[in-house]
Amino acid sequence: MSAPIQYRRNEALRTIRPGYAGNKLIGREFCNGEALFEPKLSTVLRWQLTANPQKEEKMRDTWAPSVVPCAEAFFSTEDMLVWLGHACFLLRIGA
């Protein structure tokens, strides 16, 4: 039997989306769906050993965003959204 679904959220932080329950947890693990994704070893091996039709295309794609030094974003009072990488952003709403 799996653990019940719970939601975790920091009440001290303002949430943009009204009624947002928080990040979904099953037991002590965050998840996106209704169940934790726990692949079998056979699934992982299949991913690694099966040909990837986009492999060549991915190897040719060398684009990467330019790195722009922006340490001042941490000290500025101006409104801004800074992409820190992957799915991490800094949202600054000026005072």
PDB file of N, CA and C in Angstrom:
ATOM      1  N   MET A   1       0.850  -1.184   0.000  1.00  0.00           N
ATOM      2  CA  MET A   1       0.000   0.000   0.000  1.00  0.00           C
ATOM      3  C   MET A   1       0.890   1.240   0.000  1.00  0.00           C
ATOM      4  N   SER A   2       0.624   2.165  -0.899  1.00  0.00           N
ATOM      5  CA  SER A   2       1.457   3.364  -0.979  1.00  0.00           C
ATOM      6  C   SER A   2       0.989   4.411   0.031  1.00  0.00           C
ATOM      7  N   ALA A   3       1.894   5.313   0.311  1.00  0.00           N
ATOM      8  CA  ALA A   3       1.601   6.390   1.261  1.00  0.00           C
ATOM      9  C   ALA A   3       0.559   7.336   0.664  1.00  0.00           C
ATOM     10  N   PRO A   4      -0.207   8.013   1.508  1.00  0.00           N
ATOM     11  CA  PRO A   4      -1.201   8.961   0.991  1.00  0.00           C
ATOM     12  C   PRO A   4      -0.534  10.179   0.351  1.00  0.00           C
ATOM     13  N   ILE A   5      -1.244  10.792  -0.571  1.00  0.00           N
ATOM     14  CA  ILE A   5      -0.745  12.006  -1.230  1.00  0.00           C
ATOM     15  C   ILE A   5      -0.932  13.182  -0.279  1.00  0.00           C
ATOM     16  N   GLN A   6       0.139  13.967  -0.136  1.00  0.00           N
ATOM     17  CA  GLN A   6       0.097  15.179   0.673  1.00  0.00           C
ATOM     18  C   GLN A   6       0.647  16.321  -0.177  1.00  0.00           C
ATOM     19  N   TYR A   7       0.478  17.522   0.299  1.00  0.00           N
ATOM     20  CA  TYR A   7       1.005  18.695  -0.391  1.00  0.00           C
ATOM     21  C   TYR A   7       1.831  19.515   0.583  1.00  0.00           C
ATOM     22  N   ARG A   8       2.959  20.030   0.102  1.00  0.00           N
ATOM     23  CA  ARG A   8       3.823  20.842   0.959  1.00  0.00           C
ATOM     24  C   ARG A   8       4.000  22.212   0.320  1.00  0.00           C
ATOM     25  N   ARG A   9       3.869  23.217   1.144  1.00  0.00           N
ATOM     26  CA  ARG A   9       4.022  24.587   0.658  1.00  0.00           C
ATOM     27  C   ARG A   9       4.486  25.467   1.797  1.00  0.00           C
ATOM     28  N   ASN A  10       5.263  26.467   1.470  1.00  0.00           N
ATOM     29  CA  ASN A  10       5.779  27.402   2.464  1.00  0.00           C
ATOM     30  C   ASN A  10       4.791  28.563   2.553  1.00  0.00           C
ATOM     31  N   GLU A  11       4.068  28.618   3.622  1.00  0.00           N
ATOM     32  CA  GLU A  11       3.042  29.658   3.798  1.00  0.00           C
ATOM     33  C   GLU A  11       3.648  31.053   3.904  1.00  0.00           C
ATOM     34  N   ALA A  12       4.948  31.134   4.206  1.00  0.00           N
ATOM     35  CA  ALA A  12       5.603  32.443   4.316  1.00  0.00           C
ATOM     36  C   ALA A  12       5.878  33.050   2.940  1.00  0.00           C
ATOM     37  N   LEU A  13       5.790  32.230   1.885  1.00  0.00           N
ATOM     38  CA  LEU A  13       6.033  32.724   0.531  1.00  0.00           C
ATOM     39  C   LEU A  13       4.717  32.997  -0.180  1.00  0.00           C
ATOM     40  N   ARG A  14       4.649  34.112  -0.873  1.00  0.00           N
ATOM     41  CA  ARG A  14       3.455  34.461  -1.630  1.00  0.00           C
ATOM     42  C   ARG A  14       3.339  33.540  -2.838  1.00  0.00           C
ATOM     43  N   THR A  15       2.155  33.024  -3.090  1.00  0.00           N
ATOM     44  CA  THR A  15       1.907  32.146  -4.236  1.00  0.00           C
ATOM     45  C   THR A  15       1.115  32.915  -5.273  1.00  0.00           C
ATOM     46  N   ILE A  16       1.550  32.830  -6.522  1.00  0.00           N
ATOM     47  CA  ILE A  16       0.895  33.561  -7.599  1.00  0.00           C
ATOM     48  C   ILE A  16      -0.441  32.918  -7.970  1.00  0.00           C
ATOM     49  N   ARG A  17      -0.468  31.618  -8.010  1.00  0.00           N
ATOM     50  CA  ARG A  17      -1.680  30.892  -8.433  1.00  0.00           C
ATOM     51  C   ARG A  17      -2.660  30.763  -7.266  1.00  0.00           C
ATOM     52  N   PRO A  18      -3.854  31.325  -7.383  1.00  0.00           N
ATOM     53  CA  PRO A  18      -4.838  31.242  -6.295  1.00  0.00           C
ATOM     54  C   PRO A  18      -5.239  29.793  -6.034  1.00  0.00           C
ATOM     55  N   GLY A  19      -5.348  29.432  -4.783  1.00  0.00           N
ATOM     56  CA  GLY A  19      -5.790  28.087  -4.419  1.00  0.00           C
ATOM     57  C   GLY A  19      -4.743  27.001  -4.600  1.00  0.00           C
ATOM     58  N   TYR A  20      -3.491  27.378  -4.844  1.00  0.00           N
ATOM     59  CA  TYR A  20      -2.427  26.385  -5.056  1.00  0.00           C
ATOM     60  C   TYR A  20      -2.184  25.612  -3.767  1.00  0.00           C
ATOM     61  N   ALA A  21      -2.344  24.308  -3.824  1.00  0.00           N
ATOM     62  CA  ALA A  21      -2.208  23.470  -2.625  1.00  0.00           C
ATOM     63  C   ALA A  21      -0.754  23.273  -2.214  1.00  0.00           C
ATOM     64  N   GLY A  22       0.148  23.307  -3.179  1.00  0.00           N
ATOM     65  CA  GLY A  22       1.558  23.090  -2.888  1.00  0.00           C
ATOM     66  C   GLY A  22       2.130  21.998  -3.767  1.00  0.00           C
ATOM     67  N   ASN A  23       3.355  21.576  -3.467  1.00  0.00           N
ATOM     68  CA  ASN A  23       4.016  20.526  -4.224  1.00  0.00           C
ATOM     69  C   ASN A  23       3.552  19.166  -3.717  1.00  0.00           C
ATOM     70  N   LYS A  24       3.220  18.285  -4.645  1.00  0.00           N
ATOM     71  CA  LYS A  24       2.669  16.979  -4.290  1.00  0.00           C
ATOM     72  C   LYS A  24       3.767  16.050  -3.776  1.00  0.00           C
ATOM     73  N   LEU A  25       3.450  15.381  -2.672  1.00  0.00           N
ATOM     74  CA  LEU A  25       4.349  14.390  -2.082  1.00  0.00           C
ATOM     75  C   LEU A  25       3.599  13.085  -1.891  1.00  0.00           C
ATOM     76  N   ILE A  26       4.299  11.990  -2.141  1.00  0.00           N
ATOM     77  CA  ILE A  26       3.801  10.675  -1.762  1.00  0.00           C
ATOM     78  C   ILE A  26       4.832  10.150  -0.781  1.00  0.00           C
ATOM     79  N   GLY A  27       4.436  10.016   0.462  1.00  0.00           N
ATOM     80  CA  GLY A  27       5.403   9.705   1.509  1.00  0.00           C
ATOM     81  C   GLY A  27       6.333  10.897   1.685  1.00  0.00           C
ATOM     82  N   ARG A  28       7.632  10.685   1.464  1.00  0.00           N
ATOM     83  CA  ARG A  28       8.613  11.769   1.591  1.00  0.00           C
ATOM     84  C   ARG A  28       9.207  12.154   0.248  1.00  0.00           C
ATOM     85  N   GLU A  29       8.579  11.717  -0.865  1.00  0.00           N
ATOM     86  CA  GLU A  29       9.122  11.982  -2.196  1.00  0.00           C
ATOM     87  C   GLU A  29       8.169  12.852  -3.013  1.00  0.00           C
ATOM     88  N   PHE A  30       8.728  13.850  -3.708  1.00  0.00           N
ATOM     89  CA  PHE A  30       7.937  14.701  -4.585  1.00  0.00           C
ATOM     90  C   PHE A  30       7.569  13.911  -5.837  1.00  0.00           C
ATOM     91  N   CYS A  31       6.408  14.206  -6.407  1.00  0.00           N
ATOM     92  CA  CYS A  31       5.986  13.509  -7.621  1.00  0.00           C
ATOM     93  C   CYS A  31       5.153  14.434  -8.494  1.00  0.00           C
ATOM     94  N   ASN A  32       4.977  14.035  -9.753  1.00  0.00           N
ATOM     95  CA  ASN A  32       4.177  14.824 -10.694  1.00  0.00           C
ATOM     96  C   ASN A  32       2.805  14.214 -10.936  1.00  0.00           C
ATOM     97  N   GLY A  33       2.718  12.909 -10.950  1.00  0.00           N
ATOM     98  CA  GLY A  33       1.464  12.236 -11.271  1.00  0.00           C
ATOM     99  C   GLY A  33       0.752  11.732 -10.033  1.00  0.00           C
ATOM    100  N   GLU A  34      -0.044  10.705 -10.247  1.00  0.00           N
ATOM    101  CA  GLU A  34      -0.804  10.129  -9.140  1.00  0.00           C
ATOM    102  C   GLU A  34      -0.014   9.044  -8.413  1.00  0.00           C
ATOM    103  N   ALA A  35       1.136   8.644  -8.986  1.00  0.00           N
ATOM    104  CA  ALA A  35       1.969   7.613  -8.367  1.00  0.00           C
ATOM    105  C   ALA A  35       3.432   7.973  -8.602  1.00  0.00           C
ATOM    106  N   LEU A  36       4.294   7.462  -7.735  1.00  0.00           N
ATOM    107  CA  LEU A  36       5.729   7.675  -7.922  1.00  0.00           C
ATOM    108  C   LEU A  36       6.196   6.864  -9.122  1.00  0.00           C
ATOM    109  N   PHE A  37       7.093   7.427  -9.903  1.00  0.00           N
ATOM    110  CA  PHE A  37       7.655   6.719 -11.051  1.00  0.00           C
ATOM    111  C   PHE A  37       8.916   6.023 -10.583  1.00  0.00           C
ATOM    112  N   GLU A  38       8.857   4.724 -10.468  1.00  0.00           N
ATOM    113  CA  GLU A  38       9.989   3.916 -10.027  1.00  0.00           C
ATOM    114  C   GLU A  38      10.258   2.862 -11.096  1.00  0.00           C
ATOM    115  N   PRO A  39      11.092   3.192 -12.087  1.00  0.00           N
ATOM    116  CA  PRO A  39      11.317   2.255 -13.182  1.00  0.00           C
ATOM    117  C   PRO A  39      12.053   0.995 -12.725  1.00  0.00           C
ATOM    118  N   LYS A  40      11.727  -0.107 -13.370  1.00  0.00           N
ATOM    119  CA  LYS A  40      12.429  -1.362 -13.117  1.00  0.00           C
ATOM    120  C   LYS A  40      13.791  -1.300 -13.799  1.00  0.00           C
ATOM    121  N   LEU A  41      14.715  -2.119 -13.357  1.00  0.00           N
ATOM    122  CA  LEU A  41      16.031  -2.185 -13.970  1.00  0.00           C
ATOM    123  C   LEU A  41      15.913  -2.514 -15.456  1.00  0.00           C
ATOM    124  N   SER A  42      14.977  -3.374 -15.814  1.00  0.00           N
ATOM    125  CA  SER A  42      14.794  -3.738 -17.227  1.00  0.00           C
ATOM    126  C   SER A  42      14.392  -2.527 -18.063  1.00  0.00           C
ATOM    127  N   THR A  43      13.607  -1.616 -17.491  1.00  0.00           N
ATOM    128  CA  THR A  43      13.191  -0.406 -18.205  1.00  0.00           C
ATOM    129  C   THR A  43      14.385   0.513 -18.416  1.00  0.00           C
ATOM    130  N   VAL A  44      15.207   0.674 -17.391  1.00  0.00           N
ATOM    131  CA  VAL A  44      16.391   1.526 -17.502  1.00  0.00           C
ATOM    132  C   VAL A  44      17.347   0.965 -18.543  1.00  0.00           C
ATOM    133  N   LEU A  45      17.564  -0.340 -18.530  1.00  0.00           N
ATOM    134  CA  LEU A  45      18.441  -0.973 -19.517  1.00  0.00           C
ATOM    135  C   LEU A  45      17.901  -0.801 -20.935  1.00  0.00           C
ATOM    136  N   ARG A  46      16.588  -0.921 -21.087  1.00  0.00           N
ATOM    137  CA  ARG A  46      15.985  -0.727 -22.412  1.00  0.00           C
ATOM    138  C   ARG A  46      16.212   0.694 -22.906  1.00  0.00           C
ATOM    139  N   TRP A  47      16.046   1.696 -22.017  1.00  0.00           N
ATOM    140  CA  TRP A  47      16.297   3.094 -22.403  1.00  0.00           C
ATOM    141  C   TRP A  47      17.730   3.268 -22.895  1.00  0.00           C
ATOM    142  N   GLN A  48      18.665   2.631 -22.192  1.00  0.00           N
ATOM    143  CA  GLN A  48      20.070   2.807 -22.528  1.00  0.00           C
ATOM    144  C   GLN A  48      20.490   2.026 -23.769  1.00  0.00           C
ATOM    145  N   LEU A  49      19.868   0.897 -24.023  1.00  0.00           N
ATOM    146  CA  LEU A  49      20.307   0.020 -25.106  1.00  0.00           C
ATOM    147  C   LEU A  49      19.501   0.155 -26.392  1.00  0.00           C
ATOM    148  N   THR A  50      18.368   0.849 -26.341  1.00  0.00           N
ATOM    149  CA  THR A  50      17.540   1.055 -27.528  1.00  0.00           C
ATOM    150  C   THR A  50      18.052   2.266 -28.299  1.00  0.00           C
ATOM    151  N   ALA A  51      18.063   2.153 -29.616  1.00  0.00           N
ATOM    152  CA  ALA A  51      18.519   3.262 -30.458  1.00  0.00           C
ATOM    153  C   ALA A  51      17.618   4.482 -30.251  1.00  0.00           C
ATOM    154  N   ASN A  52      18.222   5.649 -30.190  1.00  0.00           N
ATOM    155  CA  ASN A  52      17.490   6.898 -30.033  1.00  0.00           C
ATOM    156  C   ASN A  52      17.405   7.566 -31.407  1.00  0.00           C
ATOM    157  N   PRO A  53      16.211   7.714 -31.977  1.00  0.00           N
ATOM    158  CA  PRO A  53      16.092   8.303 -33.315  1.00  0.00           C
ATOM    159  C   PRO A  53      16.568   9.758 -33.391  1.00  0.00           C
ATOM    160  N   GLN A  54      16.617  10.476 -32.265  1.00  0.00           N
ATOM    161  CA  GLN A  54      17.066  11.868 -32.268  1.00  0.00           C
ATOM    162  C   GLN A  54      18.537  12.017 -31.868  1.00  0.00           C
ATOM    163  N   LYS A  55      19.264  10.916 -31.665  1.00  0.00           N
ATOM    164  CA  LYS A  55      20.642  10.997 -31.178  1.00  0.00           C
ATOM    165  C   LYS A  55      21.527  11.845 -32.090  1.00  0.00           C
ATOM    166  N   GLU A  56      21.464  11.598 -33.372  1.00  0.00           N
ATOM    167  CA  GLU A  56      22.299  12.357 -34.311  1.00  0.00           C
ATOM    168  C   GLU A  56      21.954  13.843 -34.286  1.00  0.00           C
ATOM    169  N   GLU A  57      20.657  14.132 -34.288  1.00  0.00           N
ATOM    170  CA  GLU A  57      20.198  15.524 -34.241  1.00  0.00           C
ATOM    171  C   GLU A  57      20.683  16.222 -32.972  1.00  0.00           C
ATOM    172  N   LYS A  58      20.600  15.523 -31.833  1.00  0.00           N
ATOM    173  CA  LYS A  58      21.057  16.104 -30.565  1.00  0.00           C
ATOM    174  C   LYS A  58      22.558  16.377 -30.590  1.00  0.00           C
ATOM    175  N   MET A  59      23.323  15.491 -31.208  1.00  0.00           N
ATOM    176  CA  MET A  59      24.771  15.676 -31.281  1.00  0.00           C
ATOM    177  C   MET A  59      25.138  16.887 -32.141  1.00  0.00           C
ATOM    178  N   ARG A  60      24.339  17.160 -33.185  1.00  0.00           N
ATOM    179  CA  ARG A  60      24.610  18.311 -34.064  1.00  0.00           C
ATOM    180  C   ARG A  60      24.201  19.632 -33.434  1.00  0.00           C
ATOM    181  N   ASP A  61      23.262  19.594 -32.499  1.00  0.00           N
ATOM    182  CA  ASP A  61      22.761  20.821 -31.871  1.00  0.00           C
ATOM    183  C   ASP A  61      23.738  21.264 -30.783  1.00  0.00           C
ATOM    184  N   THR A  62      24.507  22.281 -31.059  1.00  0.00           N
ATOM    185  CA  THR A  62      25.499  22.762 -30.100  1.00  0.00           C
ATOM    186  C   THR A  62      25.091  24.090 -29.457  1.00  0.00           C
ATOM    187  N   TRP A  63      23.867  24.553 -29.735  1.00  0.00           N
ATOM    188  CA  TRP A  63      23.436  25.839 -29.194  1.00  0.00           C
ATOM    189  C   TRP A  63      23.351  25.771 -27.666  1.00  0.00           C
ATOM    190  N   ALA A  64      23.768  26.823 -27.031  1.00  0.00           N
ATOM    191  CA  ALA A  64      23.605  27.004 -25.591  1.00  0.00           C
ATOM    192  C   ALA A  64      23.413  28.499 -25.353  1.00  0.00           C
ATOM    193  N   PRO A  65      22.584  28.880 -24.392  1.00  0.00           N
ATOM    194  CA  PRO A  65      22.391  30.307 -24.135  1.00  0.00           C
ATOM    195  C   PRO A  65      23.675  30.943 -23.612  1.00  0.00           C
ATOM    196  N   SER A  66      23.854  32.205 -23.933  1.00  0.00           N
ATOM    197  CA  SER A  66      25.023  32.944 -23.447  1.00  0.00           C
ATOM    198  C   SER A  66      24.915  33.159 -21.948  1.00  0.00           C
ATOM    199  N   VAL A  67      26.023  33.094 -21.284  1.00  0.00           N
ATOM    200  CA  VAL A  67      26.058  33.380 -19.854  1.00  0.00           C
ATOM    201  C   VAL A  67      26.239  34.890 -19.691  1.00  0.00           C
ATOM    202  N   VAL A  68      25.329  35.493 -18.977  1.00  0.00           N
ATOM    203  CA  VAL A  68      25.390  36.932 -18.749  1.00  0.00           C
ATOM    204  C   VAL A  68      25.568  37.154 -17.250  1.00  0.00           C
ATOM    205  N   PRO A  69      26.708  37.694 -16.846  1.00  0.00           N
ATOM    206  CA  PRO A  69      26.900  37.953 -15.413  1.00  0.00           C
ATOM    207  C   PRO A  69      25.809  38.917 -14.920  1.00  0.00           C
ATOM    208  N   CYS A  70      25.137  38.533 -13.874  1.00  0.00           N
ATOM    209  CA  CYS A  70      24.062  39.411 -13.387  1.00  0.00           C
ATOM    210  C   CYS A  70      23.950  39.338 -11.871  1.00  0.00           C
ATOM    211  N   ALA A  71      25.074  39.367 -11.204  1.00  0.00           N
ATOM    212  CA  ALA A  71      25.063  39.335  -9.740  1.00  0.00           C
ATOM    213  C   ALA A  71      24.261  40.496  -9.160  1.00  0.00           C
ATOM    214  N   GLU A  72      24.187  41.590  -9.919  1.00  0.00           N
ATOM    215  CA  GLU A  72      23.434  42.745  -9.414  1.00  0.00           C
ATOM    216  C   GLU A  72      21.944  42.425  -9.269  1.00  0.00           C
ATOM    217  N   ALA A  73      21.477  41.352  -9.921  1.00  0.00           N
ATOM    218  CA  ALA A  73      20.067  40.971  -9.790  1.00  0.00           C
ATOM    219  C   ALA A  73      19.712  40.649  -8.340  1.00  0.00           C
ATOM    220  N   PHE A  74      20.681  40.187  -7.574  1.00  0.00           N
ATOM    221  CA  PHE A  74      20.420  39.849  -6.180  1.00  0.00           C
ATOM    222  C   PHE A  74      20.323  41.074  -5.281  1.00  0.00           C
ATOM    223  N   PHE A  75      20.794  42.213  -5.772  1.00  0.00           N
ATOM    224  CA  PHE A  75      20.816  43.421  -4.961  1.00  0.00           C
ATOM    225  C   PHE A  75      19.914  44.525  -5.506  1.00  0.00           C
ATOM    226  N   SER A  76      19.432  44.350  -6.733  1.00  0.00           N
ATOM    227  CA  SER A  76      18.616  45.374  -7.377  1.00  0.00           C
ATOM    228  C   SER A  76      17.223  45.442  -6.762  1.00  0.00           C
ATOM    229  N   THR A  77      16.587  46.592  -6.907  1.00  0.00           N
ATOM    230  CA  THR A  77      15.196  46.734  -6.465  1.00  0.00           C
ATOM    231  C   THR A  77      14.252  46.805  -7.660  1.00  0.00           C
ATOM    232  N   GLU A  78      14.781  46.616  -8.877  1.00  0.00           N
ATOM    233  CA  GLU A  78      13.951  46.636 -10.081  1.00  0.00           C
ATOM    234  C   GLU A  78      13.241  45.295 -10.266  1.00  0.00           C
ATOM    235  N   ASP A  79      12.078  45.322 -10.941  1.00  0.00           N
ATOM    236  CA  ASP A  79      11.371  44.095 -11.283  1.00  0.00           C
ATOM    237  C   ASP A  79      12.191  43.335 -12.314  1.00  0.00           C
ATOM    238  N   MET A  80      12.332  42.021 -12.125  1.00  0.00           N
ATOM    239  CA  MET A  80      13.055  41.231 -13.125  1.00  0.00           C
ATOM    240  C   MET A  80      12.780  39.754 -12.918  1.00  0.00           C
ATOM    241  N   LEU A  81      13.004  39.015 -13.992  1.00  0.00           N
ATOM    242  CA  LEU A  81      12.935  37.565 -13.968  1.00  0.00           C
ATOM    243  C   LEU A  81      14.251  37.079 -14.550  1.00  0.00           C
ATOM    244  N   VAL A  82      15.008  36.297 -13.788  1.00  0.00           N
ATOM    245  CA  VAL A  82      16.319  35.820 -14.220  1.00  0.00           C
ATOM    246  C   VAL A  82      16.273  34.299 -14.286  1.00  0.00           C
ATOM    247  N   TRP A  83      16.639  33.749 -15.453  1.00  0.00           N
ATOM    248  CA  TRP A  83      16.718  32.302 -15.585  1.00  0.00           C
ATOM    249  C   TRP A  83      18.062  31.859 -15.038  1.00  0.00           C
ATOM    250  N   LEU A  84      18.049  31.034 -13.999  1.00  0.00           N
ATOM    251  CA  LEU A  84      19.270  30.573 -13.367  1.00  0.00           C
ATOM    252  C   LEU A  84      19.782  29.291 -14.003  1.00  0.00           C
ATOM    253  N   GLY A  85      18.910  28.583 -14.695  1.00  0.00           N
ATOM    254  CA  GLY A  85      19.280  27.335 -15.360  1.00  0.00           C
ATOM    255  C   GLY A  85      18.229  26.276 -15.115  1.00  0.00           C
ATOM    256  N   HIS A  86      18.105  25.354 -16.050  1.00  0.00           N
ATOM    257  CA  HIS A  86      17.136  24.262 -16.027  1.00  0.00           C
ATOM    258  C   HIS A  86      15.748  24.832 -15.718  1.00  0.00           C
ATOM    259  N   ALA A  87      15.208  24.567 -14.558  1.00  0.00           N
ATOM    260  CA  ALA A  87      13.880  25.058 -14.205  1.00  0.00           C
ATOM    261  C   ALA A  87      13.943  25.990 -13.009  1.00  0.00           C
ATOM    262  N   CYS A  88      15.048  26.726 -12.872  1.00  0.00           N
ATOM    263  CA  CYS A  88      15.237  27.606 -11.722  1.00  0.00           C
ATOM    264  C   CYS A  88      15.240  29.071 -12.168  1.00  0.00           C
ATOM    265  N   PHE A  89      14.422  29.866 -11.511  1.00  0.00           N
ATOM    266  CA  PHE A  89      14.298  31.280 -11.836  1.00  0.00           C
ATOM    267  C   PHE A  89      14.400  32.108 -10.568  1.00  0.00           C
ATOM    268  N   LEU A  90      14.844  33.328 -10.738  1.00  0.00           N
ATOM    269  CA  LEU A  90      14.814  34.321  -9.678  1.00  0.00           C
ATOM    270  C   LEU A  90      13.793  35.363 -10.116  1.00  0.00           C
ATOM    271  N   LEU A  91      12.769  35.542  -9.343  1.00  0.00           N
ATOM    272  CA  LEU A  91      11.755  36.562  -9.620  1.00  0.00           C
ATOM    273  C   LEU A  91      11.939  37.661  -8.589  1.00  0.00           C
ATOM    274  N   ARG A  92      12.232  38.860  -9.092  1.00  0.00           N
ATOM    275  CA  ARG A  92      12.445  40.005  -8.204  1.00  0.00           C
ATOM    276  C   ARG A  92      11.349  41.003  -8.486  1.00  0.00           C
ATOM    277  N   ILE A  93      10.571  41.318  -7.466  1.00  0.00           N
ATOM    278  CA  ILE A  93       9.544  42.343  -7.600  1.00  0.00           C
ATOM    279  C   ILE A  93      10.001  43.512  -6.744  1.00  0.00           C
ATOM    280  N   GLY A  94      10.317  44.610  -7.413  1.00  0.00           N
ATOM    281  CA  GLY A  94      10.880  45.775  -6.735  1.00  0.00           C
ATOM    282  C   GLY A  94       9.964  46.334  -5.655  1.00  0.00           C
ATOM    283  N   ALA A  95      10.604  46.959  -4.717  1.00  0.00           N
ATOM    284  CA  ALA A  95       9.832  47.546  -3.589  1.00  0.00           C
ATOM    285  C   ALA A  95       9.494  48.975  -3.879  1.00  0.00           C
TER     286      ALA A  95
END
